[in-house]
C-alpha atoms as a PDB file:
ATOM      1  CA  MET A   1      72.037  24.883  56.878  1.00  0.00           C
ATOM      2  CA  ASP A   2      70.059  23.252  59.591  1.00  0.00           C
ATOM      3  CA  GLU A   3      66.728  21.977  58.429  1.00  0.00           C
ATOM      4  CA  LYS A   4      64.533  24.076  60.649  1.00  0.00           C
ATOM      5  CA  PHE A   5      66.286  27.243  59.539  1.00  0.00           C
ATOM      6  CA  ALA A   6      66.042  26.154  55.985  1.00  0.00           C
ATOM      7  CA  LYS A   7      62.173  25.863  56.366  1.00  0.00           C
ATOM      8  CA  LEU A   8      62.158  29.220  58.075  1.00  0.00           C
ATOM      9  CA  ALA A   9      64.340  30.816  55.379  1.00  0.00           C
ATOM     10  CA  SER A  10      61.942  29.310  52.748  1.00  0.00           C
ATOM     11  CA  LEU A  11      58.958  30.942  54.393  1.00  0.00           C
ATOM     12  CA  GLY A  12      60.812  34.203  54.439  1.00  0.00           C
ATOM     13  CA  ALA A  13      61.832  34.029  50.881  1.00  0.00           C
ATOM     14  CA  MET A  14      58.150  33.274  49.889  1.00  0.00           C
ATOM     15  CA  ALA A  15      57.020  36.215  52.074  1.00  0.00           C
ATOM     16  CA  VAL A  16      59.442  38.518  50.365  1.00  0.00           C
ATOM     17  CA  GLY A  17      58.074  37.335  46.967  1.00  0.00           C
ATOM     18  CA  GLY A  18      54.489  38.288  47.992  1.00  0.00           C
ATOM     19  CA  GLY A  19      55.639  41.469  49.744  1.00  0.00           C
ATOM     20  CA  VAL A  20      57.247  42.675  46.481  1.00  0.00           C
ATOM     21  CA  PHE A  21      53.878  42.416  44.791  1.00  0.00           C
ATOM     22  CA  ALA A  22      52.215  44.150  47.786  1.00  0.00           C
ATOM     23  CA  LEU A  23      54.711  47.051  47.489  1.00  0.00           C
ATOM     24  CA  TYR A  24      54.028  47.300  43.741  1.00  0.00           C
ATOM     25  CA  ALA A  25      50.392  47.568  44.510  1.00  0.00           C
ATOM     26  CA  LEU A  26      51.025  50.242  47.126  1.00  0.00           C
ATOM     27  CA  LEU A  27      53.176  52.192  44.728  1.00  0.00           C
ATOM     28  CA  LEU A  28      50.356  51.904  42.036  1.00  0.00           C
ATOM     29  CA  PHE A  29      47.922  53.333  44.640  1.00  0.00           C
ATOM     30  CA  VAL A  30      50.270  56.154  45.573  1.00  0.00           C
ATOM     31  CA  PHE A  31      51.068  57.136  41.982  1.00  0.00           C
ATOM     32  CA  ARG A  32      47.373  56.883  40.717  1.00  0.00           C
ATOM     33  CA  PRO A  33      45.966  59.772  38.861  1.00  0.00           C
ATOM     34  CA  VAL A  34      43.657  61.909  41.022  1.00  0.00           C
ATOM     35  CA  GLY A  35      41.426  64.909  40.231  1.00  0.00           C
ATOM     36  CA  ASN A  36      43.422  67.433  42.139  1.00  0.00           C
ATOM     37  CA  GLY A  37      46.925  66.669  40.891  1.00  0.00           C
ATOM     38  CA  GLY A  38      49.320  63.830  40.450  1.00  0.00           C
ATOM     39  CA  MET A  39      50.241  62.014  37.314  1.00  0.00           C
ATOM     40  CA  ASP A  40      48.148  61.932  34.214  1.00  0.00           C
ATOM     41  CA  ARG A  41      46.756  58.541  32.837  1.00  0.00           C
ATOM     42  CA  THR A  42      49.370  58.128  30.286  1.00  0.00           C
ATOM     43  CA  GLY A  43      52.272  58.742  32.779  1.00  0.00           C
ATOM     44  CA  PHE A  44      50.657  56.359  35.229  1.00  0.00           C
ATOM     45  CA  MET A  45      50.348  53.524  32.678  1.00  0.00           C
ATOM     46  CA  ILE A  46      53.958  53.969  31.503  1.00  0.00           C
ATOM     47  CA  VAL A  47      55.145  53.926  35.126  1.00  0.00           C
ATOM     48  CA  ALA A  48      53.003  50.779  35.916  1.00  0.00           C
ATOM     49  CA  ILE A  49      54.109  48.906  32.814  1.00  0.00           C
ATOM     50  CA  ALA A  50      57.737  49.893  33.315  1.00  0.00           C
ATOM     51  CA  MET A  51      57.829  48.727  36.904  1.00  0.00           C
ATOM     52  CA  LEU A  52      56.158  45.297  36.361  1.00  0.00           C
ATOM     53  CA  PRO A  53      59.197  43.361  34.763  1.00  0.00           C
ATOM     54  CA  SER A  54      61.494  44.342  37.780  1.00  0.00           C
ATOM     55  CA  VAL A  55      58.806  43.342  40.190  1.00  0.00           C
ATOM     56  CA  ALA A  56      58.174  40.080  38.431  1.00  0.00           C
ATOM     57  CA  ILE A  57      61.725  39.162  38.271  1.00  0.00           C
ATOM     58  CA  LEU A  58      62.454  39.933  41.936  1.00  0.00           C
ATOM     59  CA  ALA A  59      59.292  38.072  43.201  1.00  0.00           C
ATOM     60  CA  GLY A  60      60.019  35.203  40.886  1.00  0.00           C
ATOM     61  CA  ALA A  61      63.594  34.828  42.080  1.00  0.00           C
ATOM     62  CA  HIS A  62      62.594  34.872  45.744  1.00  0.00           C
ATOM     63  CA  ILE A  63      59.871  32.295  45.108  1.00  0.00           C
ATOM     64  CA  ALA A  64      62.148  29.962  43.143  1.00  0.00           C
ATOM     65  CA  PHE A  65      64.700  30.375  45.964  1.00  0.00           C
ATOM     66  CA  GLY A  66      62.090  29.513  48.592  1.00  0.00           C
ATOM     67  CA  LYS A  67      61.059  26.422  46.720  1.00  0.00           C
ATOM     68  CA  GLN A  68      64.711  25.404  46.465  1.00  0.00           C
ATOM     69  CA  LEU A  69      65.200  25.924  50.237  1.00  0.00           C
ATOM     70  CA  LYS A  70      61.919  23.968  50.935  1.00  0.00           C
ATOM     71  CA  SER A  71      63.041  20.937  48.967  1.00  0.00           C
ATOM     72  CA  GLY A  72      66.206  20.515  51.022  1.00  0.00           C
ATOM     73  CA  PRO A  73      69.663  19.674  50.120  1.00  0.00           C
ATOM     74  CA  GLN A  74      70.144  17.953  46.705  1.00  0.00           C
ATOM     75  CA  PRO A  75      73.178  16.025  45.654  1.00  0.00           C
ATOM     76  CA  ILE A  76      75.336  17.338  42.759  1.00  0.00           C
ATOM     77  CA  ARG A  77      74.946  15.337  39.646  1.00  0.00           C
ATOM     78  CA  GLY A  78      77.915  15.039  37.582  1.00  0.00           C
END
């Protein structure tokens, strides 16, 4: 991969990692308990806790991939 494209891809992967957390926050805002309907507090907490591992894995994988792209090509050690 060309070096300038690797840096651009690295920035994109980091942005996806941040975007996943932003989407998680948006979904928590949408699902929040309100006075005129929506989820109750117990259901909201269950949904928030259940979504967190998936969000953390997706964001962490993209951030790790972005760091790998940023560091550039590495020789294979055998």
